[in-house]
N, C-alpha and C. Protein backbone atom coordinates (compact mmCIF):
# COMPACT_ATOMS: atom_id res chain seq x y z
N MET A 1 -23.13 27.94 94.02
CA MET A 1 -23.86 27.18 93.12
C MET A 1 -25.29 27.33 93.43
N ILE A 2 -26.16 27.54 92.43
CA ILE A 2 -27.63 27.65 92.63
C ILE A 2 -28.31 26.57 91.83
N GLU A 3 -29.31 25.86 92.30
CA GLU A 3 -29.99 24.85 91.74
C GLU A 3 -31.25 25.48 91.07
N VAL A 4 -31.49 25.21 89.79
CA VAL A 4 -32.69 25.61 89.23
C VAL A 4 -33.59 24.39 89.12
N SER A 5 -34.77 24.29 89.73
CA SER A 5 -35.52 23.10 89.81
C SER A 5 -36.19 22.76 88.47
N GLN A 6 -36.88 23.65 87.97
CA GLN A 6 -37.70 23.37 86.82
C GLN A 6 -37.88 24.56 86.00
N PRO A 7 -37.86 24.51 84.62
CA PRO A 7 -38.02 25.65 83.73
C PRO A 7 -39.45 26.11 83.87
N ASP A 8 -39.76 27.35 83.67
CA ASP A 8 -41.01 28.08 83.66
C ASP A 8 -41.78 27.23 82.60
N GLN A 9 -43.06 26.63 82.95
CA GLN A 9 -43.77 25.85 82.01
C GLN A 9 -44.40 26.69 80.87
N ALA A 10 -44.83 27.79 81.22
CA ALA A 10 -45.50 28.71 80.21
C ALA A 10 -44.45 29.13 79.13
N ASN A 11 -43.33 29.42 79.60
CA ASN A 11 -42.19 29.91 78.64
C ASN A 11 -41.75 28.69 77.91
N ARG A 12 -41.76 27.53 78.46
CA ARG A 12 -41.28 26.29 77.72
C ARG A 12 -42.20 25.95 76.65
N ARG A 13 -43.60 26.09 77.00
CA ARG A 13 -44.59 25.85 75.93
C ARG A 13 -44.56 26.87 74.60
N ARG A 14 -44.24 28.07 75.10
CA ARG A 14 -44.20 29.13 74.06
C ARG A 14 -42.91 28.93 73.05
N ARG A 15 -41.69 28.70 73.76
CA ARG A 15 -40.57 28.73 73.03
C ARG A 15 -40.02 27.33 72.53
N GLY A 16 -40.56 26.28 73.00
CA GLY A 16 -40.16 24.95 72.64
C GLY A 16 -39.58 24.22 73.80
N LYS A 17 -39.13 22.95 73.56
CA LYS A 17 -38.62 22.15 74.58
C LYS A 17 -37.32 21.51 74.13
N THR A 18 -36.30 22.31 74.20
CA THR A 18 -34.91 21.82 73.79
C THR A 18 -34.10 22.15 74.92
N ASP A 19 -32.84 21.47 74.93
CA ASP A 19 -31.85 21.64 76.11
C ASP A 19 -31.22 23.02 75.97
N ALA A 20 -30.98 23.55 74.82
CA ALA A 20 -30.46 24.85 74.67
C ALA A 20 -31.39 25.97 75.26
N ILE A 21 -32.69 25.92 74.91
CA ILE A 21 -33.64 26.75 75.44
C ILE A 21 -33.76 26.76 77.00
N ASP A 22 -33.81 25.48 77.47
CA ASP A 22 -33.85 25.20 78.91
C ASP A 22 -32.67 25.84 79.68
N ALA A 23 -31.50 25.56 79.01
CA ALA A 23 -30.22 26.19 79.72
C ALA A 23 -30.29 27.66 79.65
N GLU A 24 -30.78 28.29 78.59
CA GLU A 24 -30.87 29.74 78.61
C GLU A 24 -31.87 30.31 79.61
N THR A 25 -33.02 29.55 79.69
CA THR A 25 -34.06 29.94 80.76
C THR A 25 -33.44 29.73 82.15
N ALA A 26 -32.65 28.71 82.42
CA ALA A 26 -32.21 28.48 83.83
C ALA A 26 -31.18 29.65 83.95
N GLY A 27 -30.36 30.01 83.07
CA GLY A 27 -29.45 31.06 83.27
C GLY A 27 -30.11 32.38 83.54
N ARG A 28 -31.14 32.70 82.81
CA ARG A 28 -31.95 33.91 83.03
C ARG A 28 -32.65 33.88 84.37
N ALA A 29 -33.06 32.79 84.83
CA ALA A 29 -33.68 32.69 86.20
C ALA A 29 -32.73 32.92 87.34
N VAL A 30 -31.46 32.44 87.08
CA VAL A 30 -30.49 32.66 88.09
C VAL A 30 -30.03 34.16 88.15
N LEU A 31 -29.86 34.80 86.99
CA LEU A 31 -29.45 36.17 86.88
C LEU A 31 -30.58 37.08 87.37
N SER A 32 -31.69 36.79 87.24
CA SER A 32 -32.78 37.74 87.64
C SER A 32 -33.17 37.42 89.14
N GLY A 33 -32.59 36.35 89.69
CA GLY A 33 -32.95 36.12 91.15
C GLY A 33 -34.21 35.15 91.47
N ARG A 34 -34.85 34.71 90.30
CA ARG A 34 -36.01 33.95 90.62
C ARG A 34 -35.63 32.49 91.09
N ALA A 35 -34.46 32.11 90.68
CA ALA A 35 -33.99 30.71 91.12
C ALA A 35 -33.07 30.92 92.40
N THR A 36 -33.48 30.49 93.53
CA THR A 36 -32.69 30.89 94.78
C THR A 36 -32.55 29.50 95.49
N ALA A 37 -32.74 28.27 95.02
CA ALA A 37 -32.59 27.08 95.68
C ALA A 37 -31.08 26.78 95.92
N ILE A 38 -30.77 26.25 96.99
CA ILE A 38 -29.40 25.85 97.20
C ILE A 38 -29.18 24.42 96.74
N ALA A 39 -28.12 24.07 96.05
CA ALA A 39 -27.81 22.81 95.57
C ALA A 39 -27.63 21.83 96.69
N LYS A 40 -28.08 20.51 96.41
CA LYS A 40 -28.00 19.51 97.38
C LYS A 40 -26.45 19.22 97.70
N THR A 41 -26.24 18.84 99.00
CA THR A 41 -24.88 18.36 99.29
C THR A 41 -24.79 16.93 99.08
N SER A 42 -23.60 16.39 98.97
CA SER A 42 -23.36 15.02 98.77
C SER A 42 -23.01 14.19 100.12
N ASP A 43 -23.61 14.57 101.24
CA ASP A 43 -23.45 13.89 102.44
C ASP A 43 -24.80 13.82 103.14
N GLY A 44 -24.90 13.10 104.19
CA GLY A 44 -26.09 12.94 104.87
C GLY A 44 -26.82 11.67 104.69
N HIS A 45 -28.06 11.52 105.25
CA HIS A 45 -28.72 10.20 105.29
C HIS A 45 -29.06 9.75 103.78
N VAL A 46 -29.53 10.58 102.99
CA VAL A 46 -29.88 10.29 101.57
C VAL A 46 -28.68 9.76 100.74
N GLU A 47 -27.62 10.39 100.97
CA GLU A 47 -26.27 9.98 100.21
C GLU A 47 -25.93 8.60 100.71
N ARG A 48 -26.03 8.33 102.09
CA ARG A 48 -25.68 7.04 102.64
C ARG A 48 -26.62 5.87 102.04
N ILE A 49 -27.80 6.18 102.12
CA ILE A 49 -28.92 5.24 101.59
C ILE A 49 -28.51 4.92 100.07
N ARG A 50 -28.14 5.99 99.30
CA ARG A 50 -27.91 5.83 97.82
C ARG A 50 -26.63 4.92 97.73
N LEU A 51 -25.70 5.19 98.65
CA LEU A 51 -24.51 4.29 98.59
C LEU A 51 -24.82 2.71 98.85
N PHE A 52 -25.61 2.60 99.86
CA PHE A 52 -25.96 1.27 100.21
C PHE A 52 -26.71 0.59 99.06
N LYS A 53 -27.64 1.29 98.55
CA LYS A 53 -28.45 0.79 97.36
C LYS A 53 -27.52 0.38 96.22
N LEU A 54 -26.54 1.29 95.95
CA LEU A 54 -25.55 0.99 94.85
C LEU A 54 -24.79 -0.24 95.08
N ALA A 55 -24.30 -0.48 96.38
CA ALA A 55 -23.52 -1.68 96.76
C ALA A 55 -24.41 -2.90 96.62
N LYS A 56 -25.74 -2.79 97.07
CA LYS A 56 -26.63 -3.91 96.94
C LYS A 56 -26.91 -4.28 95.51
N ASN A 57 -27.15 -3.23 94.78
CA ASN A 57 -27.33 -3.55 93.22
C ASN A 57 -26.20 -4.32 92.64
N SER A 58 -25.05 -3.82 92.96
CA SER A 58 -23.79 -4.41 92.41
C SER A 58 -23.76 -5.82 92.86
N ALA A 59 -23.94 -6.17 94.15
CA ALA A 59 -23.96 -7.62 94.66
C ALA A 59 -24.85 -8.42 93.95
N VAL A 60 -26.10 -7.88 93.75
CA VAL A 60 -27.07 -8.72 92.99
C VAL A 60 -26.69 -9.00 91.60
N LYS A 61 -26.15 -8.00 91.01
CA LYS A 61 -25.63 -8.26 89.56
C LYS A 61 -24.60 -9.26 89.57
N ALA A 62 -23.59 -9.21 90.47
CA ALA A 62 -22.49 -10.22 90.59
C ALA A 62 -23.04 -11.57 90.76
N ARG A 63 -24.03 -11.72 91.64
CA ARG A 63 -24.63 -12.95 92.00
C ARG A 63 -25.38 -13.60 90.71
N THR A 64 -26.05 -12.82 90.09
CA THR A 64 -26.83 -13.19 88.88
C THR A 64 -25.85 -13.67 87.81
N GLN A 65 -24.70 -12.81 87.61
CA GLN A 65 -23.65 -13.22 86.68
C GLN A 65 -23.04 -14.65 86.94
N ALA A 66 -22.72 -14.82 88.20
CA ALA A 66 -22.22 -16.07 88.71
C ALA A 66 -23.15 -17.32 88.36
N ILE A 67 -24.44 -17.00 88.74
CA ILE A 67 -25.34 -18.08 88.43
C ILE A 67 -25.47 -18.40 86.90
N ASN A 68 -25.51 -17.36 86.18
CA ASN A 68 -25.54 -17.50 84.79
C ASN A 68 -24.31 -18.27 84.09
N GLN A 69 -23.16 -18.02 84.73
CA GLN A 69 -21.95 -18.62 84.20
C GLN A 69 -21.99 -20.14 84.71
N LEU A 70 -22.52 -20.45 85.88
CA LEU A 70 -22.66 -21.81 86.32
C LEU A 70 -23.67 -22.58 85.39
N LYS A 71 -24.66 -21.90 84.97
CA LYS A 71 -25.68 -22.64 84.02
C LYS A 71 -25.04 -22.83 82.63
N ALA A 72 -24.16 -21.86 82.26
CA ALA A 72 -23.62 -21.93 80.92
C ALA A 72 -22.44 -22.92 80.84
N VAL A 73 -21.62 -22.98 81.88
CA VAL A 73 -20.38 -23.75 81.90
C VAL A 73 -20.69 -25.07 82.52
N GLY A 74 -20.95 -24.91 83.85
CA GLY A 74 -21.26 -26.18 84.66
C GLY A 74 -20.03 -27.07 84.81
N VAL A 75 -20.21 -28.09 85.75
CA VAL A 75 -19.20 -29.10 85.93
C VAL A 75 -19.83 -30.44 85.96
N ASP A 76 -21.03 -30.55 85.44
CA ASP A 76 -21.77 -31.79 85.41
C ASP A 76 -21.01 -32.88 84.62
N PRO A 77 -21.15 -34.14 84.99
CA PRO A 77 -20.50 -35.23 84.10
C PRO A 77 -21.08 -35.32 82.69
N ASN A 78 -22.41 -34.97 82.61
CA ASN A 78 -22.98 -34.95 81.30
C ASN A 78 -23.24 -33.52 80.80
N PRO A 79 -22.29 -32.94 80.16
CA PRO A 79 -22.36 -31.48 79.78
C PRO A 79 -23.57 -31.14 78.95
N ARG A 80 -24.07 -32.11 78.22
CA ARG A 80 -25.11 -31.81 77.31
C ARG A 80 -26.59 -31.69 78.00
N GLU A 81 -26.51 -32.10 79.24
CA GLU A 81 -27.87 -32.07 79.99
C GLU A 81 -28.11 -30.57 80.30
N SER A 82 -29.34 -30.28 80.20
CA SER A 82 -29.85 -28.94 80.35
C SER A 82 -29.70 -28.56 81.76
N ARG A 83 -29.32 -27.41 82.18
CA ARG A 83 -29.30 -26.92 83.54
C ARG A 83 -30.28 -25.89 83.78
N THR A 84 -31.17 -25.60 82.83
CA THR A 84 -32.22 -24.62 83.07
C THR A 84 -33.27 -25.20 84.04
N GLY A 85 -33.75 -24.39 84.94
CA GLY A 85 -34.76 -24.77 85.84
C GLY A 85 -34.17 -25.34 87.22
N LEU A 86 -32.79 -25.48 87.17
CA LEU A 86 -32.12 -26.00 88.48
C LEU A 86 -32.16 -24.85 89.55
N SER A 87 -32.27 -25.32 90.82
CA SER A 87 -32.02 -24.33 91.81
C SER A 87 -30.67 -24.02 92.04
N LEU A 88 -30.36 -23.02 92.80
CA LEU A 88 -29.08 -22.64 93.16
C LEU A 88 -28.23 -23.64 93.84
N PRO A 89 -28.79 -24.37 94.99
CA PRO A 89 -27.99 -25.43 95.48
C PRO A 89 -27.72 -26.61 94.55
N GLU A 90 -28.63 -26.91 93.60
CA GLU A 90 -28.33 -27.88 92.60
C GLU A 90 -27.25 -27.45 91.61
N LEU A 91 -27.05 -26.21 91.39
CA LEU A 91 -25.97 -25.71 90.54
C LEU A 91 -24.63 -25.72 91.27
N VAL A 92 -24.73 -25.36 92.55
CA VAL A 92 -23.40 -25.23 93.33
C VAL A 92 -22.93 -26.54 93.79
N ARG A 93 -23.74 -27.51 94.19
CA ARG A 93 -23.35 -28.78 94.72
C ARG A 93 -22.13 -29.44 93.94
N PRO A 94 -22.27 -29.60 92.66
CA PRO A 94 -21.11 -30.28 91.86
C PRO A 94 -19.88 -29.40 92.07
N CYS A 95 -19.88 -28.07 92.18
CA CYS A 95 -18.66 -27.34 92.32
C CYS A 95 -18.17 -27.56 93.79
N ALA A 96 -18.94 -27.62 94.78
CA ALA A 96 -18.50 -27.89 96.05
C ALA A 96 -17.77 -29.18 96.22
N ASP A 97 -18.11 -30.23 95.43
CA ASP A 97 -17.63 -31.52 95.65
C ASP A 97 -16.21 -31.64 94.80
N LEU A 98 -15.82 -30.56 94.11
CA LEU A 98 -14.53 -30.67 93.43
C LEU A 98 -13.34 -30.61 94.44
N ASP A 99 -12.14 -31.21 94.03
CA ASP A 99 -11.04 -31.06 94.79
C ASP A 99 -10.43 -29.67 94.66
N PRO A 100 -9.81 -29.21 95.75
CA PRO A 100 -9.22 -27.86 95.67
C PRO A 100 -8.14 -27.78 94.74
């Protein structure tokens, strides 16, 4: 597998900027030997960092979703009372006081 980094800019300006033209230009670069970069592997430090970032983003998204559900549903005695502006401990405290 050979990676083609970027299409020839002069050729791209002359012929246009479409995916079909870019694919043809990349194919011609590989066949002519101008594109000689080796494709990136999916192991190593960068891949590990990417996986950690993916896990962190997923955890942040799940946390945000849980907080939004607590604000929307809540377990307050007065459900009509607005829960906007409450801190996370103020949202969680009524849930922690519930019987199992």
